[in-house]
Amino acid sequence: MKKAYSGIVLMLTLLLTVTGLNQGTAASKVSLTKDEIYKISKEATMYGYPTVEFYRIMYQQAINTSDSQYKAPFNQIKNIAEAAGPKDNGIQTINADTPYSYLWLDLRNDAIVITLPKIEKNRYYSAQIIDSYTYDVDYLGTRKDGNDGGSFLITGTKWNGKVPAGIKRTVKVNTDFVYVIFRTQLLNEKDLSNVSKIQTGYKVQTLDEYLGNTANVNKKVSIINWPPISKEGELKPENFYNYLNTMLQFMPEYPDEKTLRAEFAKIGIIPGKIFDMSGMTPDQQKAMAQGIEDALKEIKTKLEASPDSKGFFGTKETLKNNYMIKSMAAMGGLFGNIEEEAMYIFYLKGSDGVIYNAGKNNYILHFDKDKLPPVKAFWSITMYEKESYAMVENPLKRYLVNSAMIPDFKKDKNGGIDIYIQKTSPGKNLESNWLPAPNGEFYLVLRAYLPDKALIDGSWQKPELQINKNK
């Protein structure tokens, strides 16, 4: 349903260590009916899809050094002082407002200290901390800590040491593998050198390094033989559930999920075990595959009916085990922010239910002078091609319009702004207001960073995208 992911075909004959997937003996015969298997498989897909997506990105960015999306090994930060574009297609619906710094943490061996530099007051920055369940555990930066910087301690499931002096705040994470996404606001096209300077101030150290315990700095952690992401068939049960089993061994079971995990174990979803369907009949195997397929179809259908991201992202406590919502978030905007940090408002189809198509129509998005998105930081509107979830190449190399461009927009006689959404230029005199579209189906995402109350409570309503009948 999405583009094929990079990687190599999964080999189940890998020699695996105790911290990888355990081969074990051949699977025993499964006594469940095909209807029972279908039901469990569908429920397990709703539960596990976000974690499998977490694994896919982690494998691309931190494990597979030959992948085009590779960033850096675990516990090392990768700064990219440029806005994302069409080539950054590993994460669906990626933003182009805030150049990223990428950090994958392995917390099995030691806690990690992240240090942020002090920056100017008018710039937004953040470090979003995401666990393997894809819960947003916490944030460092502008909203919670201001712009004065400082050092923060990130601890995993087994750490119970003493917090050292100089630590501004401690964040405890309930999984061993963690993703930290740094976002640094780009104020304008000439601002990249300033962003780069800020990024070089992001510092990552193990706690031993921070404390100067040189004897412990090079202590080894057990090696994991990660199952490669399959280029084709990543959603087949033997692949999908292997990725899930791999990750679950590093994700301590929540007490309120004990019954659910026991149910999944009936079909071989067991932390650290290779998923083996050899004990199932062909009909049982077909029912399992159908459960995955139907779950993903249902997720996609519900996602496309959603007007915005309200309630999509959050902590374990705020999402309250709503696995459908978590999967919708993973499919439509993996690793999105909680609404206090940013809101995402979707333009997926018109009021007539028809998907927007710039191959057939030109469009206008009009904002009255006093009806721009209400934010404390900034807003943007980004263009994406419908099927790839990625940005679109265009002659202006412009993938979004945002609040920083307001002084350059042409205004109507009342001070309002028309944004032209179309595949060809609306004319040189209007190109400042042009957001180039693909020659086909597309969708838009309006991002609002540090949204005001009017956005969060719904009293501000987005303007509708209209067909431009004059062009």
Protein backbone atom coordinates (compact mmCIF):
# COMPACT_ATOMS: atom_id res chain seq x y z
CA MET A 1 0.00 0.00 0.00
CA LYS A 2 3.03 2.21 0.35
CA LYS A 3 6.23 2.17 -1.68
CA ALA A 4 8.54 -0.77 -1.12
CA TYR A 5 11.09 -0.17 1.58
CA SER A 6 14.84 -0.44 1.06
CA GLY A 7 16.81 -3.40 2.39
CA ILE A 8 17.43 -7.05 1.49
CA VAL A 9 15.25 -10.14 1.62
CA LEU A 10 14.78 -11.57 5.10
CA MET A 11 16.86 -14.72 5.72
CA LEU A 12 15.47 -16.87 8.50
CA THR A 13 18.62 -19.04 8.54
CA LEU A 14 20.71 -16.30 10.16
CA LEU A 15 22.91 -17.35 13.04
CA LEU A 16 21.27 -15.43 15.85
CA THR A 17 22.60 -14.56 19.28
CA VAL A 18 20.63 -14.70 22.50
CA THR A 19 19.81 -11.01 22.08
CA GLY A 20 18.60 -11.51 18.55
CA LEU A 21 15.86 -13.96 17.54
CA ASN A 22 16.11 -17.45 19.00
CA GLN A 23 15.63 -20.23 16.46
CA GLY A 24 14.25 -22.81 18.88
CA THR A 25 12.54 -26.01 17.77
CA ALA A 26 10.04 -26.42 14.97
CA ALA A 27 6.64 -24.92 15.70
CA SER A 28 4.06 -27.25 17.14
CA LYS A 29 0.68 -27.64 15.49
CA VAL A 30 -1.60 -24.66 16.07
CA SER A 31 -5.04 -25.77 17.28
CA LEU A 32 -6.83 -22.45 16.77
CA THR A 33 -9.48 -22.12 14.10
CA LYS A 34 -8.74 -19.92 11.11
CA ASP A 35 -11.30 -17.40 12.41
CA GLU A 36 -9.49 -17.21 15.75
CA ILE A 37 -6.14 -16.77 13.99
CA TYR A 38 -7.60 -14.06 11.77
CA LYS A 39 -8.94 -12.18 14.78
CA ILE A 40 -5.67 -12.37 16.73
CA SER A 41 -3.60 -11.44 13.66
CA LYS A 42 -5.76 -8.40 12.95
CA GLU A 43 -5.57 -7.25 16.57
CA ALA A 44 -1.80 -7.88 16.70
CA THR A 45 -1.33 -5.81 13.55
CA MET A 46 -3.20 -2.87 15.08
CA TYR A 47 -1.00 -3.23 18.15
CA GLY A 48 2.32 -3.90 16.44
CA TYR A 49 2.24 -1.83 13.24
CA PRO A 50 3.72 1.31 14.90
CA THR A 51 6.55 -0.75 16.39
CA VAL A 52 7.27 -2.44 13.06
CA GLU A 53 7.43 1.02 11.45
CA PHE A 54 9.76 2.12 14.27
CA TYR A 55 11.96 -0.87 13.47
CA ARG A 56 11.91 -0.15 9.73
CA ILE A 57 13.19 3.39 10.22
CA MET A 58 15.71 2.33 12.87
CA TYR A 59 17.05 -0.36 10.54
CA GLN A 60 17.41 2.14 7.70
CA GLN A 61 18.93 4.95 9.73
CA ALA A 62 21.08 3.23 12.37
CA ILE A 63 21.78 -0.36 11.30
CA ASN A 64 21.99 -0.81 7.52
CA THR A 65 25.00 1.31 6.56
CA SER A 66 24.33 0.78 2.84
CA ASP A 67 20.81 2.22 2.99
CA SER A 68 20.29 5.61 1.36
CA GLN A 69 18.55 6.78 4.56
CA TYR A 70 21.40 5.75 6.90
CA LYS A 71 22.33 8.47 9.42
CA ALA A 72 24.67 7.25 12.18
CA PRO A 73 25.25 4.29 14.52
CA PHE A 74 23.50 4.09 17.87
CA ASN A 75 24.29 6.81 20.42
CA GLN A 76 25.79 9.13 17.80
CA ILE A 77 23.98 12.19 16.45
CA LYS A 78 23.70 13.04 12.76
CA ASN A 79 23.07 16.70 11.95
CA ILE A 80 21.67 17.69 8.56
CA ALA A 81 21.76 21.44 8.02
CA GLU A 82 19.25 21.51 5.22
CA ALA A 83 15.50 21.32 4.89
CA ALA A 84 14.03 17.96 3.92
CA GLY A 85 12.93 17.45 0.33
CA PRO A 86 11.77 14.78 -2.14
CA LYS A 87 14.86 12.64 -1.57
CA ASP A 88 14.00 12.27 2.12
CA ASN A 89 11.35 9.63 1.53
CA GLY A 90 12.15 7.18 4.31
CA ILE A 91 9.65 8.73 6.74
CA GLN A 92 6.21 9.43 5.34
CA THR A 93 4.96 13.04 5.45
CA ILE A 94 8.31 14.40 6.67
CA ASN A 95 8.45 18.15 7.33
CA ALA A 96 10.64 20.76 5.61
CA ASP A 97 10.34 23.49 8.27
CA THR A 98 12.94 22.34 10.73
CA PRO A 99 16.24 20.81 9.63
CA TYR A 100 16.66 17.57 11.51
CA SER A 101 19.27 16.01 13.70
CA TYR A 102 18.85 12.26 14.15
CA LEU A 103 19.77 10.19 17.19
CA TRP A 104 19.04 6.52 17.87
CA LEU A 105 19.72 5.43 21.43
CA ASP A 106 20.67 1.99 22.73
CA LEU A 107 20.09 2.26 26.48
CA ARG A 108 20.85 -1.35 27.39
CA ASN A 109 24.34 -0.56 28.68
CA ASP A 110 24.29 2.99 30.05
CA ALA A 111 22.22 6.13 30.39
CA ILE A 112 22.76 8.95 27.88
CA VAL A 113 23.32 12.67 28.45
CA ILE A 114 21.99 15.06 25.80
CA THR A 115 23.18 18.66 25.93
CA LEU A 116 21.39 21.50 24.13
CA PRO A 117 23.09 24.85 23.48
CA LYS A 118 21.61 28.19 24.46
CA ILE A 119 19.97 29.88 21.45
CA GLU A 120 18.14 33.11 20.63
CA LYS A 121 14.64 33.58 22.02
CA ASN A 122 12.81 33.91 18.69
CA ARG A 123 13.82 30.50 17.33
CA TYR A 124 12.09 27.19 18.05
CA TYR A 125 14.06 24.03 18.77
CA SER A 126 13.19 20.69 20.31
CA ALA A 127 14.38 17.16 20.93
CA GLN A 128 11.45 14.73 20.75
CA ILE A 129 11.98 11.47 22.65
CA ILE A 130 10.08 8.47 21.24
CA ASP A 131 10.09 4.92 22.60
CA SER A 132 9.76 1.67 20.63
CA TYR A 133 5.99 1.66 21.11
CA THR A 134 6.09 5.07 19.30
CA TYR A 135 4.81 6.85 22.40
CA ASP A 136 6.03 10.45 22.72
CA VAL A 137 7.79 10.12 26.05
CA ASP A 138 8.97 13.71 26.49
CA TYR A 139 10.45 16.81 24.87
CA LEU A 140 13.53 18.88 25.51
CA GLY A 141 13.72 22.46 24.27
CA THR A 142 11.64 25.58 23.74
CA ARG A 143 8.21 24.57 25.06
CA LYS A 144 9.28 22.74 28.23
CA ASP A 145 12.74 24.12 28.99
CA GLY A 146 13.03 27.45 27.20
CA ASN A 147 15.97 28.31 24.96
CA ASP A 148 18.75 28.44 27.57
CA GLY A 149 19.92 24.89 26.86
CA GLY A 150 21.37 22.50 29.43
CA SER A 151 22.19 18.82 29.97
CA PHE A 152 19.47 16.17 30.26
CA LEU A 153 19.77 12.55 31.41
CA ILE A 154 17.95 9.84 29.38
CA THR A 155 17.64 6.52 31.20
CA GLY A 156 16.42 3.10 30.07
CA THR A 157 14.60 0.18 31.65
CA LYS A 158 17.42 -1.10 33.87
CA TRP A 159 19.16 2.08 35.01
CA ASN A 160 18.81 2.96 38.70
CA GLY A 161 21.92 5.02 39.37
CA LYS A 162 22.42 8.42 40.94
CA VAL A 163 21.65 11.53 38.91
CA PRO A 164 24.91 13.53 38.72
CA ALA A 165 25.36 17.23 39.29
CA GLY A 166 24.75 19.50 36.31
CA ILE A 167 21.74 17.61 34.99
CA LYS A 168 18.78 19.90 34.31
CA ARG A 169 16.16 17.16 34.04
CA THR A 170 15.90 13.35 33.81
CA VAL A 171 13.73 11.47 31.31
CA LYS A 172 13.03 7.77 31.95
CA VAL A 173 12.07 5.64 28.95
CA ASN A 174 10.36 2.24 29.18
CA THR A 175 12.13 0.64 26.19
CA ASP A 176 15.79 -0.09 25.47
CA PHE A 177 15.80 1.47 21.99
CA VAL A 178 14.75 5.08 21.62
CA TYR A 179 14.52 7.62 18.81
CA VAL A 180 15.36 11.27 19.47
CA ILE A 181 14.46 13.74 16.71
CA PHE A 182 15.95 17.22 16.98
CA ARG A 183 14.14 20.02 15.12
CA THR A 184 15.79 23.40 14.62
CA GLN A 185 13.65 26.12 13.07
CA LEU A 186 14.84 27.48 9.74
CA LEU A 187 13.84 31.14 9.65
CA ASN A 188 14.51 31.71 5.93
CA GLU A 189 16.56 30.42 3.00
CA LYS A 190 19.66 32.36 4.17
CA ASP A 191 19.46 30.92 7.68
CA LEU A 192 21.09 27.51 7.13
CA SER A 193 24.49 28.56 8.44
CA ASN A 194 22.87 29.63 11.72
CA VAL A 195 20.99 26.33 11.94
CA SER A 196 24.25 24.46 11.34
CA LYS A 197 25.96 26.35 14.15
CA ILE A 198 23.15 25.43 16.55
CA GLN A 199 23.26 21.79 15.48
CA THR A 200 26.98 21.53 16.21
CA GLY A 201 26.10 22.48 19.79
CA TYR A 202 23.93 19.38 20.23
CA LYS A 203 26.03 16.97 22.27
CA VAL A 204 25.45 13.27 23.06
CA GLN A 205 27.47 11.33 25.64
CA THR A 206 27.09 8.15 27.60
CA LEU A 207 26.81 8.86 31.30
CA ASP A 208 30.29 7.38 31.79
CA GLU A 209 31.68 9.80 29.20
CA TYR A 210 29.88 12.70 30.86
CA LEU A 211 31.35 11.73 34.25
CA GLY A 212 34.81 11.06 32.85
CA ASN A 213 34.77 7.38 33.82
CA THR A 214 37.25 6.44 31.11
CA ALA A 215 37.61 2.86 32.33
CA ASN A 216 33.96 2.18 31.50
CA VAL A 217 33.65 4.16 28.28
CA ASN A 218 34.49 1.25 25.98
CA LYS A 219 32.58 -1.49 27.77
CA LYS A 220 30.83 -3.67 25.22
CA VAL A 221 27.16 -4.39 24.83
CA SER A 222 25.91 -7.70 23.41
CA ILE A 223 25.54 -7.79 19.62
CA ILE A 224 22.12 -8.14 18.03
CA ASN A 225 21.65 -9.80 14.65
CA TRP A 226 18.87 -7.63 13.34
CA PRO A 227 16.55 -9.24 10.73
CA PRO A 228 16.96 -7.21 7.52
CA ILE A 229 14.02 -5.27 6.16
CA SER A 230 12.63 -7.07 3.14
CA LYS A 231 12.52 -5.07 -0.09
CA GLU A 232 9.43 -6.99 -1.09
CA GLY A 233 6.94 -8.55 1.27
CA GLU A 234 7.66 -6.65 4.46
CA LEU A 235 4.00 -7.11 5.40
CA LYS A 236 4.01 -10.89 5.01
CA PRO A 237 3.47 -12.56 8.40
CA GLU A 238 6.89 -14.25 8.41
CA ASN A 239 8.52 -10.83 7.99
CA PHE A 240 6.13 -8.48 9.81
CA TYR A 241 5.90 -10.61 12.95
CA ASN A 242 9.65 -11.31 12.99
CA TYR A 243 10.30 -7.58 13.17
CA LEU A 244 7.75 -7.30 15.95
CA ASN A 245 9.19 -10.26 17.88
CA THR A 246 12.65 -8.73 17.58
CA MET A 247 11.55 -5.45 19.11
CA LEU A 248 9.26 -6.85 21.82
CA GLN A 249 12.21 -8.35 23.71
CA PHE A 250 13.44 -4.80 24.34
CA MET A 251 10.00 -3.48 25.31
CA PRO A 252 9.02 -4.55 28.84
CA GLU A 253 5.40 -5.63 29.01
CA TYR A 254 2.98 -3.12 30.52
CA PRO A 255 0.80 -4.72 33.24
CA ASP A 256 -2.40 -3.72 31.41
CA GLU A 257 -1.20 -5.51 28.25
CA LYS A 258 -0.39 -8.85 29.88
CA THR A 259 -3.58 -10.52 28.62
CA LEU A 260 -3.11 -9.06 25.14
CA ARG A 261 0.48 -10.29 24.86
CA ALA A 262 -0.63 -13.76 26.03
CA GLU A 263 -3.24 -13.81 23.27
CA PHE A 264 -0.64 -12.87 20.65
CA ALA A 265 1.65 -15.66 21.88
CA LYS A 266 -0.97 -18.21 20.75
CA ILE A 267 -0.01 -17.49 17.13
CA GLY A 268 3.75 -17.20 17.73
CA ILE A 269 4.17 -13.51 18.56
CA ILE A 270 6.69 -14.03 21.34
CA PRO A 271 9.49 -11.62 22.30
CA GLY A 272 12.86 -12.76 20.94
CA LYS A 273 11.51 -15.77 19.01
CA ILE A 274 11.57 -16.31 15.26
CA PHE A 275 8.03 -16.28 13.99
CA ASP A 276 7.35 -19.74 12.57
CA MET A 277 4.20 -20.69 10.64
CA SER A 278 5.27 -24.26 9.88
CA GLY A 279 2.79 -25.59 12.45
CA MET A 280 -0.14 -23.98 10.63
CA THR A 281 -2.24 -25.35 7.81
CA PRO A 282 -2.41 -23.37 4.52
CA ASP A 283 -5.86 -22.08 5.53
CA GLN A 284 -4.55 -20.91 8.90
CA GLN A 285 -1.62 -19.16 7.21
CA LYS A 286 -3.98 -17.49 4.77
CA ALA A 287 -6.17 -16.29 7.66
CA MET A 288 -3.14 -14.77 9.35
CA ALA A 289 -2.08 -12.89 6.21
CA GLN A 290 -5.67 -11.72 5.71
CA GLY A 291 -5.72 -10.37 9.27
CA ILE A 292 -2.69 -8.18 8.52
CA GLU A 293 -4.12 -6.99 5.20
CA ASP A 294 -7.55 -6.13 6.59
CA ALA A 295 -6.12 -4.33 9.61
CA LEU A 296 -3.99 -2.10 7.38
CA LYS A 297 -6.93 -1.37 5.08
CA GLU A 298 -9.03 -0.36 8.07
CA ILE A 299 -6.25 1.88 9.40
CA LYS A 300 -5.90 3.58 6.02
CA THR A 301 -9.66 4.12 5.65
CA LYS A 302 -9.94 5.74 9.07
CA LEU A 303 -6.84 7.85 8.48
CA GLU A 304 -8.22 9.26 5.24
CA ALA A 305 -11.42 10.26 7.02
CA SER A 306 -9.54 12.26 9.67
CA PRO A 307 -9.54 16.08 9.36
CA ASP A 308 -6.47 16.63 11.55
CA SER A 309 -4.01 14.98 13.93
CA LYS A 310 -5.88 15.81 17.13
CA GLY A 311 -5.33 12.96 19.59
CA PHE A 312 -2.98 11.04 17.26
CA PHE A 313 0.26 11.41 19.22
CA GLY A 314 0.99 11.24 22.91
CA THR A 315 2.20 9.25 25.88
CA LYS A 316 1.03 5.84 27.06
CA GLU A 317 -1.20 7.64 29.56
CA THR A 318 -2.82 10.07 27.10
CA LEU A 319 -3.42 7.57 24.28
CA LYS A 320 -4.98 5.05 26.70
CA ASN A 321 -4.16 1.93 24.63
CA ASN A 322 -5.97 3.24 21.55
CA TYR A 323 -4.04 1.07 19.10
CA MET A 324 -6.08 2.17 16.09
CA ILE A 325 -5.13 5.82 16.69
CA LYS A 326 -1.48 4.89 17.16
CA SER A 327 -1.50 2.96 13.88
CA MET A 328 -3.22 5.80 12.04
CA ALA A 329 -0.51 8.14 13.33
CA ALA A 330 2.24 5.74 12.24
CA MET A 331 0.78 5.35 8.76
CA GLY A 332 0.04 9.01 8.11
CA GLY A 333 2.76 10.87 9.99
CA LEU A 334 5.20 8.59 11.77
CA PHE A 335 6.89 10.29 14.75
CA GLY A 336 4.56 13.28 14.75
CA ASN A 337 4.40 15.69 17.67
CA ILE A 338 1.87 15.89 20.47
CA GLU A 339 -0.62 18.72 19.93
CA GLU A 340 0.90 20.98 22.60
CA GLU A 341 4.10 20.92 20.54
CA ALA A 342 2.58 20.95 17.06
CA MET A 343 -0.73 20.28 15.33
CA TYR A 344 -1.18 18.77 11.88
CA ILE A 345 -4.26 19.74 9.88
CA PHE A 346 -4.91 17.63 6.78
CA TYR A 347 -6.18 18.54 3.35
CA LEU A 348 -6.88 15.06 1.96
CA LYS A 349 -10.01 15.52 -0.17
CA GLY A 350 -12.69 18.06 -0.96
CA SER A 351 -16.09 18.43 0.70
CA ASP A 352 -17.44 16.31 -2.17
CA GLY A 353 -15.20 13.43 -1.06
CA VAL A 354 -12.97 13.65 -4.14
CA ILE A 355 -9.20 13.45 -3.65
CA TYR A 356 -7.40 16.60 -4.75
CA ASN A 357 -5.85 16.20 -8.22
CA ALA A 358 -3.67 18.91 -9.77
CA GLY A 359 -3.63 16.99 -13.02
CA LYS A 360 -7.29 17.94 -13.41
CA ASN A 361 -7.72 21.18 -11.43
CA ASN A 362 -6.00 24.29 -10.12
CA TYR A 363 -6.79 25.24 -6.52
CA ILE A 364 -6.77 28.27 -4.22
CA LEU A 365 -6.39 28.35 -0.45
CA HIS A 366 -7.52 31.73 0.89
CA PHE A 367 -6.71 33.20 4.30
CA ASP A 368 -8.43 36.35 5.52
CA LYS A 369 -6.06 38.89 7.04
CA ASP A 370 -7.10 38.11 10.60
CA LYS A 371 -7.68 34.36 10.14
CA LEU A 372 -4.15 33.01 9.75
CA PRO A 373 -3.33 29.92 11.86
CA PRO A 374 -2.89 31.08 15.50
CA VAL A 375 0.51 29.95 16.79
CA LYS A 376 3.22 30.96 19.25
CA ALA A 377 6.03 29.70 17.00
CA PHE A 378 5.21 29.32 13.27
CA TRP A 379 2.97 27.58 10.73
CA SER A 380 3.52 26.00 7.33
CA ILE A 381 1.64 24.20 4.54
CA THR A 382 3.51 21.38 2.80
CA MET A 383 2.70 19.56 -0.45
CA TYR A 384 2.84 15.74 -0.71
CA GLU A 385 2.22 13.31 -3.55
CA LYS A 386 -0.69 11.04 -2.62
CA GLU A 387 0.74 7.56 -3.08
CA SER A 388 4.37 8.08 -2.03
CA TYR A 389 3.66 10.26 1.04
CA ALA A 390 6.68 12.30 -0.15
CA MET A 391 7.38 15.83 -1.33
CA VAL A 392 7.33 16.60 -5.03
CA GLU A 393 10.10 17.83 -7.32
CA ASN A 394 9.25 21.18 -8.91
CA PRO A 395 11.04 24.00 -10.78
CA LEU A 396 11.02 26.36 -7.78
CA LYS A 397 12.33 23.67 -5.40
CA ARG A 398 9.59 24.93 -3.11
CA TYR A 399 7.84 22.27 -1.07
CA LEU A 400 5.94 24.47 1.36
CA VAL A 401 4.74 27.94 2.18
CA ASN A 402 4.95 29.25 5.74
CA SER A 403 4.45 32.17 8.10
CA ALA A 404 7.99 33.43 7.51
CA MET A 405 6.95 34.15 3.89
CA ILE A 406 4.03 36.43 4.85
CA PRO A 407 5.95 39.66 4.05
CA ASP A 408 6.64 38.34 0.53
CA PHE A 409 3.10 37.14 -0.29
CA LYS A 410 0.95 39.28 -2.55
CA LYS A 411 -2.15 40.39 -0.63
CA ASP A 412 -5.66 41.14 -1.85
CA LYS A 413 -7.28 44.54 -1.27
CA ASN A 414 -8.39 43.46 2.21
CA GLY A 415 -4.98 42.14 3.23
CA GLY A 416 -5.93 38.51 2.65
CA ILE A 417 -3.65 35.89 1.09
CA ASP A 418 -4.39 33.51 -1.80
CA ILE A 419 -2.11 30.46 -2.04
CA TYR A 420 -2.15 28.98 -5.57
CA ILE A 421 -2.01 25.18 -5.55
CA GLN A 422 -1.31 23.96 -9.09
CA LYS A 423 1.21 22.09 -11.25
CA THR A 424 2.18 25.08 -13.45
CA SER A 425 3.08 28.65 -12.56
CA PRO A 426 0.15 31.04 -11.95
CA GLY A 427 2.30 33.70 -13.66
CA LYS A 428 5.52 35.41 -12.64
CA ASN A 429 3.72 38.12 -10.72
CA LEU A 430 1.98 35.50 -8.52
CA GLU A 431 4.79 32.98 -8.05
CA SER A 432 5.45 34.29 -4.53
CA ASN A 433 2.07 32.73 -3.63
CA TRP A 434 2.54 29.49 -5.60
CA LEU A 435 2.83 26.08 -3.92
CA PRO A 436 3.74 23.70 -6.77
CA ALA A 437 1.70 20.50 -7.01
CA PRO A 438 2.30 17.18 -8.82
CA ASN A 439 0.53 16.27 -12.04
CA GLY A 440 -1.91 14.04 -10.19
CA GLU A 441 -3.32 13.35 -6.74
CA PHE A 442 -1.88 15.18 -3.74
CA TYR A 443 -2.58 16.16 -0.15
CA LEU A 444 -1.49 19.05 2.06
CA VAL A 445 -0.51 19.22 5.72
CA LEU A 446 -0.84 22.47 7.64
CA ARG A 447 1.61 22.38 10.56
CA ALA A 448 1.19 24.69 13.51
CA TYR A 449 4.10 24.78 15.97
CA LEU A 450 3.25 25.71 19.56
CA PRO A 451 -0.41 26.17 18.60
CA ASP A 452 -2.58 28.67 20.44
CA LYS A 453 -5.65 27.58 22.40
CA ALA A 454 -7.94 28.41 19.46
CA LEU A 455 -6.29 25.69 17.41
CA ILE A 456 -6.23 23.10 20.17
CA ASP A 457 -9.87 23.58 21.20
CA GLY A 458 -11.10 23.76 17.59
CA SER A 459 -12.46 27.30 17.66
CA TRP A 460 -10.14 28.20 14.76
CA GLN A 461 -11.32 26.45 11.61
CA LYS A 462 -9.17 25.85 8.56
CA PRO A 463 -10.25 27.47 5.27
CA GLU A 464 -11.33 25.02 2.60
CA LEU A 465 -9.27 24.35 -0.52
CA GLN A 466 -11.29 25.60 -3.50
CA ILE A 467 -11.06 24.82 -7.22
CA ASN A 468 -9.76 27.92 -9.02
CA LYS A 469 -12.34 28.36 -11.76
CA ASN A 470 -10.57 31.43 -13.13
CA LYS A 471 -7.52 29.51 -14.26
